[in-house]
Structures are given as C-alpha cells and as structure tokens.
Protein backbone atom coordinates (compact mmCIF):
# COMPACT_ATOMS: atom_id res chain seq x y z
CA MET A 1 -13.91 85.27 3.15
CA SER A 2 -15.38 82.88 0.70
CA ALA A 3 -15.59 79.37 0.86
CA ASN A 4 -13.78 79.12 -2.23
CA PHE A 5 -10.55 81.27 -1.19
CA GLU A 6 -10.67 78.43 1.72
CA ASN A 7 -10.78 75.59 -0.24
CA LYS A 8 -7.97 77.26 -2.40
CA LYS A 9 -5.93 77.63 0.90
CA VAL A 10 -6.37 73.88 1.85
CA VAL A 11 -5.20 72.99 -1.64
CA VAL A 12 -1.78 75.27 -0.93
CA SER A 13 -1.30 73.69 2.27
CA GLU A 14 -1.67 70.32 0.62
CA ILE A 15 1.00 71.16 -1.72
CA GLU A 16 3.18 72.65 0.48
CA GLU A 17 3.16 69.68 3.05
CA LEU A 18 3.90 67.11 -0.11
CA ALA A 19 6.80 69.64 -1.01
CA LYS A 20 8.28 69.96 2.28
CA ASN A 21 8.15 66.19 2.76
CA ALA A 22 9.71 65.49 -0.83
CA LYS A 23 13.28 65.04 -1.70
CA SER A 24 12.36 65.66 -5.25
CA ILE A 25 9.76 67.02 -7.19
CA VAL A 26 9.29 66.63 -11.03
CA LEU A 27 6.50 68.95 -13.18
CA VAL A 28 5.09 67.29 -16.04
CA ASP A 29 2.88 68.66 -19.20
CA TYR A 30 0.34 65.74 -19.27
CA ARG A 31 -1.68 67.66 -22.41
CA GLY A 32 -2.87 64.82 -24.46
CA LEU A 33 -2.87 61.81 -22.14
CA THR A 34 -6.15 59.84 -21.58
CA VAL A 35 -7.67 59.29 -18.27
CA ALA A 36 -6.30 55.52 -18.40
CA GLN A 37 -3.14 56.70 -19.05
CA VAL A 38 -3.24 59.34 -16.15
CA THR A 39 -4.49 56.69 -14.21
CA GLU A 40 -1.90 54.39 -15.00
CA LEU A 41 1.07 57.25 -14.10
CA ARG A 42 -0.66 57.75 -11.02
CA ALA A 43 -0.69 54.15 -10.02
CA ASN A 44 3.18 53.90 -11.01
CA ALA A 45 3.99 56.56 -9.02
CA ARG A 46 2.20 55.43 -5.88
CA ASN A 47 3.80 51.68 -6.43
CA ALA A 48 7.14 53.74 -6.12
CA GLY A 49 6.26 55.23 -3.16
CA GLY A 50 5.63 58.65 -4.59
CA VAL A 51 2.51 60.82 -5.17
CA TYR A 52 1.38 62.29 -8.92
CA LYS A 53 -0.85 65.30 -8.65
CA VAL A 54 -2.58 67.71 -10.79
CA TYR A 55 -3.07 71.06 -9.15
CA LYS A 56 -4.00 74.58 -10.56
CA ASN A 57 -0.76 76.48 -12.05
CA ARG A 58 -1.16 79.26 -9.58
CA LEU A 59 -1.92 77.25 -6.42
CA MET A 60 1.28 75.17 -7.26
CA LYS A 61 3.03 78.35 -7.66
CA ILE A 62 1.88 80.16 -4.66
CA ALA A 63 3.21 76.75 -2.58
CA PHE A 64 6.35 76.61 -3.96
CA ASP A 65 7.14 80.17 -3.35
CA ASN A 66 5.80 80.04 0.11
CA LEU A 67 8.43 77.40 0.59
CA GLY A 68 11.09 79.06 -1.45
CA ILE A 69 11.21 76.84 -4.28
CA THR A 70 11.64 78.59 -7.43
CA PHE A 71 10.32 77.42 -10.67
CA PRO A 72 10.32 79.85 -13.76
CA ALA A 73 7.02 80.92 -14.55
CA SER A 74 7.06 79.20 -17.91
CA ASP A 75 6.98 76.05 -15.94
CA PHE A 76 3.22 76.86 -14.84
CA GLU A 77 1.64 77.37 -18.39
CA GLY A 78 -0.50 74.92 -19.85
CA THR A 79 -1.35 71.72 -18.17
CA THR A 80 1.04 70.85 -15.41
CA ALA A 81 1.07 67.89 -13.09
CA VAL A 82 3.63 66.92 -10.24
CA LEU A 83 5.14 64.40 -8.97
CA PHE A 84 6.55 64.21 -5.39
CA HIS A 85 8.35 61.44 -3.70
CA PRO A 86 9.66 61.62 -0.13
CA THR A 87 12.80 59.39 0.14
CA ASP A 88 13.89 58.85 -3.86
CA GLU A 89 15.69 61.79 -5.46
CA VAL A 90 15.34 59.79 -8.83
CA ALA A 91 11.87 57.96 -8.95
CA PRO A 92 9.95 60.83 -10.26
CA ALA A 93 12.35 61.62 -12.71
CA LYS A 94 12.28 58.00 -14.10
CA ILE A 95 8.51 57.74 -13.96
CA ALA A 96 7.73 60.73 -15.83
CA LEU A 97 10.64 59.84 -18.66
CA ASP A 98 9.24 56.23 -18.62
CA GLY A 99 5.65 58.08 -19.43
CA ALA A 100 6.94 60.46 -21.89
CA LYS A 101 8.34 57.62 -23.92
CA LYS A 102 5.70 55.45 -23.69
CA TYR A 103 2.90 57.83 -24.29
CA ASN A 104 4.90 60.24 -26.61
CA VAL A 105 2.43 63.39 -25.44
CA LEU A 106 3.82 63.47 -21.66
CA LYS A 107 6.64 66.15 -21.38
CA LEU A 108 9.18 66.80 -18.68
CA LYS A 109 9.08 70.49 -17.86
CA SER A 110 11.50 70.70 -14.91
CA GLY A 111 12.44 69.24 -11.38
CA TYR A 112 13.51 70.23 -8.06
CA VAL A 113 15.73 67.93 -6.40
CA ASP A 114 17.43 68.36 -2.85
CA GLY A 115 17.27 71.99 -3.06
CA LYS A 116 18.25 72.48 -6.38
CA TYR A 117 16.22 73.35 -9.66
CA TYR A 118 17.03 71.16 -12.39
CA ASN A 119 15.79 72.06 -16.06
CA THR A 120 14.32 69.47 -18.58
CA GLU A 121 17.69 68.10 -19.86
CA GLU A 122 19.17 67.58 -16.65
CA VAL A 123 15.94 65.60 -15.19
CA THR A 124 16.34 63.68 -17.95
CA ALA A 125 19.97 62.73 -17.16
CA LEU A 126 18.60 62.22 -13.64
CA ALA A 127 16.16 59.75 -14.72
CA ASN A 128 18.72 57.85 -16.80
CA ILE A 129 21.02 57.25 -13.91
CA PRO A 130 20.83 53.40 -12.92
CA SER A 131 18.70 52.24 -10.11
CA ARG A 132 20.40 51.82 -6.76
CA GLU A 133 20.40 47.79 -6.85
CA VAL A 134 22.21 47.99 -10.43
CA LEU A 135 24.82 50.48 -9.20
CA LEU A 136 25.57 48.37 -5.77
CA ALA A 137 26.11 45.13 -8.48
CA GLN A 138 28.41 47.22 -10.27
CA LEU A 139 30.27 48.09 -7.25
CA LEU A 140 30.06 44.81 -6.14
CA GLY A 141 31.82 43.63 -9.43
CA LEU A 142 34.52 46.16 -9.34
CA LEU A 143 35.49 45.37 -5.72
CA THR A 144 35.81 41.55 -6.32
CA SER A 145 37.22 41.82 -9.70
CA PRO A 146 40.63 41.91 -8.57
CA MET A 147 40.39 39.04 -5.98
CA ARG A 148 38.95 37.14 -8.62
CA SER A 149 41.73 37.90 -11.24
CA LEU A 150 44.47 36.91 -8.29
CA ALA A 151 42.45 33.46 -7.89
CA VAL A 152 42.51 32.65 -11.79
CA GLY A 153 45.98 33.68 -12.04
CA LEU A 154 47.03 31.30 -8.85
CA SER A 155 45.07 28.43 -10.05
CA GLU A 156 46.58 28.76 -13.65
CA VAL A 157 50.04 28.77 -11.99
CA ALA A 158 49.30 25.91 -9.71
CA LYS A 159 48.07 24.03 -12.70
CA LYS A 160 51.21 24.78 -14.74
CA ASN A 161 53.37 23.37 -11.74
CA ALA A 162 51.49 20.26 -11.04
C-alpha cells in the first residue's frame, strides 16, 4: 500500500473520531473566504468548544458513511468545510450562520444533529434558537410573573385600605 493511501486512512479515522464524539455537525461552503476569515471562523469554533476543519469531500463522505451518517451527495460538491461540536447542538449552526451573515460568501449546506439530518433551512432555524442562558432567563421570568403580579396586587389593596 502506498504512503498516500495510509495518510488518507489516518484522515478518515480523524473525521470518524470527531464525528463520533460530536452532538452536531454542520457542513458549509467556504468558497470565496479569505485566509483571515477562515482563521476567524476556526477561532470562533475553538472558542465555543468546537472544531472547524477542511477535508477532502471524498474522505468526509467515506468517514460519514462508515458511521452511518448520511448526507446527500450534493453536500460534498465544491468547497466544503465542517464544524463539529462535542456537547452543544446549536453552536456549530450559530457559528456558520454568523459567518454567512458577516462574510456574505459562506453558505450553509446542511447539518447532522443528534442522529438526524438537517437541510439548510433547518440548520438556519436551529441557529436562530436563543442561547441557553436567554432561554433560562425567559423561563425564570415566566415562572416569577404570577408571584410578582400577586405581590403588586396585594400591595395596591394594602395601600387602598390604609
């Protein structure tokens, strides 16, 4: 076997390992991005606890097929980069969507989150979900609202009777 074949096997293994440990995977078309923009995307992914990588389409397809992760063949046409995140289902989609808005040339292709394929529109919808902290704050507001209303009402009654 050639050394090139062995190198490809190593890359496929790397992709498989990242995909196995990922809660979410997002594919993007990075055609037209500058090196500085790709570096910024990579840093954003790393700061969020994820990974942004560029691999050969064929090697990604082989690795995903080996794991039973099915993407349409059209997702592996052109320039393709992949975002992985081991714990957050939404982070890669948010990073990709932010990059698409900021650079105007980055395009979302699709995603794979918790065992389910997501098309471009579904990945965009996923990216638009508020952060966990915002959702918790909204929930806390909903839970405390009835108590706050009762307290204000009792306070007004007490003032009126005083």
